[in-house]
Amino acid sequence: MKENLGLIFLVVGILLFAFLPHHNIPTKIDSINANLLHIFAFSVLSIYLYYIKKYQHKKVFLFILAIGIFIEIIQGLFTTNREASIFDILYDISSYIVVASLITIKDKLSKI
């Protein structure tokens, strides 16, 4: 359990912001474009999964995809203040793709 504390912290943080009503989110955070928040949150999660948890590309992708889909399903079915969006899932996946690409480039450059 202790070795998963960081992962739990990141996922719970993402879920809190995903399900909190807009009026409960601090104004400074809510005023930032929601798409940038998706990109930031899922980039941090991807980096954590690669470097701390040592997950492989496929496992990171599936984890990011599962969390993104889960959030959108819950928002669509159970929240009145949020709505589900396929574009949010695309932002989540895009974050993974950028991080994975940068890690791959870094690894290839380090072998030169």
Protein backbone atom coordinates (compact mmCIF):
# COMPACT_ATOMS: atom_id res chain seq x y z
CA MET A 1 0.00 0.00 0.00
CA LYS A 2 2.79 2.40 0.92
CA GLU A 3 4.42 1.99 -2.50
CA ASN A 4 1.16 3.04 -4.19
CA LEU A 5 0.56 6.13 -2.05
CA GLY A 6 1.85 8.56 -4.70
CA LEU A 7 -0.32 7.00 -7.39
CA ILE A 8 -3.37 7.08 -5.13
CA PHE A 9 -2.67 10.72 -4.31
CA LEU A 10 -2.44 11.69 -8.01
CA VAL A 11 -5.55 9.77 -9.05
CA VAL A 12 -7.63 11.07 -6.12
CA GLY A 13 -6.48 14.62 -6.93
CA ILE A 14 -7.55 14.24 -10.55
CA LEU A 15 -10.89 12.74 -9.50
CA LEU A 16 -11.53 15.56 -7.01
CA PHE A 17 -11.12 18.20 -9.68
CA ALA A 18 -13.13 16.13 -12.15
CA PHE A 19 -16.16 15.81 -9.88
CA LEU A 20 -16.16 18.99 -7.81
CA PRO A 21 -18.83 21.49 -8.80
CA HIS A 22 -17.32 24.52 -10.52
CA HIS A 23 -18.32 26.78 -7.62
CA ASN A 24 -16.18 24.64 -5.24
CA ILE A 25 -13.04 24.90 -7.35
CA PRO A 26 -10.74 27.81 -6.44
CA THR A 27 -11.28 30.71 -8.86
CA LYS A 28 -7.65 30.84 -9.98
CA ILE A 29 -7.72 27.17 -10.95
CA ASP A 30 -11.18 27.30 -12.54
CA SER A 31 -10.21 30.29 -14.66
CA ILE A 32 -7.45 28.27 -16.33
CA ASN A 33 -8.66 26.64 -19.50
CA ALA A 34 -10.09 23.22 -18.57
CA ASN A 35 -8.24 21.65 -21.50
CA LEU A 36 -4.91 22.81 -20.09
CA LEU A 37 -5.85 21.27 -16.75
CA HIS A 38 -6.51 17.94 -18.48
CA ILE A 39 -3.18 18.13 -20.27
CA PHE A 40 -1.29 19.07 -17.12
CA ALA A 41 -2.93 16.46 -14.86
CA PHE A 42 -2.58 13.56 -17.27
CA SER A 43 0.97 14.54 -18.25
CA VAL A 44 2.00 14.50 -14.59
CA LEU A 45 0.25 11.15 -14.15
CA SER A 46 1.98 9.73 -17.25
CA ILE A 47 5.39 10.90 -16.09
CA TYR A 48 4.77 9.41 -12.65
CA LEU A 49 3.74 6.07 -14.14
CA TYR A 50 6.85 5.95 -16.37
CA TYR A 51 9.52 7.12 -13.98
CA ILE A 52 8.27 6.16 -10.52
CA LYS A 53 6.12 3.10 -11.18
CA LYS A 54 8.28 1.99 -14.16
CA TYR A 55 5.22 1.07 -16.25
CA GLN A 56 5.73 0.28 -19.92
CA HIS A 57 4.14 2.39 -22.70
CA LYS A 58 1.14 0.11 -23.23
CA LYS A 59 0.29 -0.06 -19.53
CA VAL A 60 0.55 3.73 -19.13
CA PHE A 61 -1.67 4.27 -22.17
CA LEU A 62 -4.30 1.83 -20.89
CA PHE A 63 -4.22 3.37 -17.41
CA ILE A 64 -4.64 6.92 -18.78
CA LEU A 65 -7.39 5.79 -21.13
CA ALA A 66 -9.25 3.93 -18.37
CA ILE A 67 -9.13 6.89 -15.95
CA GLY A 68 -10.20 9.31 -18.70
CA ILE A 69 -13.14 7.17 -19.80
CA PHE A 70 -14.17 6.50 -16.19
CA ILE A 71 -14.27 10.23 -15.40
CA GLU A 72 -16.33 11.05 -18.47
CA ILE A 73 -18.83 8.24 -17.83
CA ILE A 74 -19.31 9.32 -14.22
CA GLN A 75 -19.63 12.97 -15.23
CA GLY A 76 -22.20 12.08 -17.88
CA LEU A 77 -24.29 9.81 -15.69
CA PHE A 78 -24.08 11.23 -12.19
CA THR A 79 -23.15 14.91 -12.16
CA THR A 80 -25.42 17.83 -12.88
CA ASN A 81 -22.69 20.44 -12.96
CA ARG A 82 -20.36 18.69 -15.43
CA GLU A 83 -20.88 17.07 -18.78
CA ALA A 84 -19.12 14.20 -20.48
CA SER A 85 -16.97 15.04 -23.48
CA ILE A 86 -15.07 12.84 -25.88
CA PHE A 87 -12.71 15.78 -26.34
CA ASP A 88 -11.64 15.53 -22.70
CA ILE A 89 -10.61 11.91 -23.32
CA LEU A 90 -8.71 13.06 -26.40
CA TYR A 91 -6.86 15.66 -24.30
CA ASP A 92 -5.98 12.94 -21.79
CA ILE A 93 -4.66 10.66 -24.54
CA SER A 94 -2.82 13.57 -26.18
CA SER A 95 -1.04 14.20 -22.90
CA TYR A 96 0.10 10.60 -22.85
CA ILE A 97 1.25 10.77 -26.49
CA VAL A 98 3.35 13.90 -25.87
CA VAL A 99 4.96 12.44 -22.74
CA ALA A 100 5.59 9.07 -24.42
CA SER A 101 7.11 10.80 -27.45
CA LEU A 102 9.42 12.93 -25.32
CA ILE A 103 10.51 9.92 -23.28
CA THR A 104 11.18 7.91 -26.45
CA ILE A 105 13.20 10.77 -27.96
CA LYS A 106 15.15 11.20 -24.71
CA ASP A 107 15.92 7.47 -24.58
CA LYS A 108 17.09 7.40 -28.20
CA LEU A 109 19.26 10.48 -27.75
CA SER A 110 20.86 9.05 -24.64
CA LYS A 111 22.00 6.01 -26.65
CA ILE A 112 23.85 8.18 -29.16
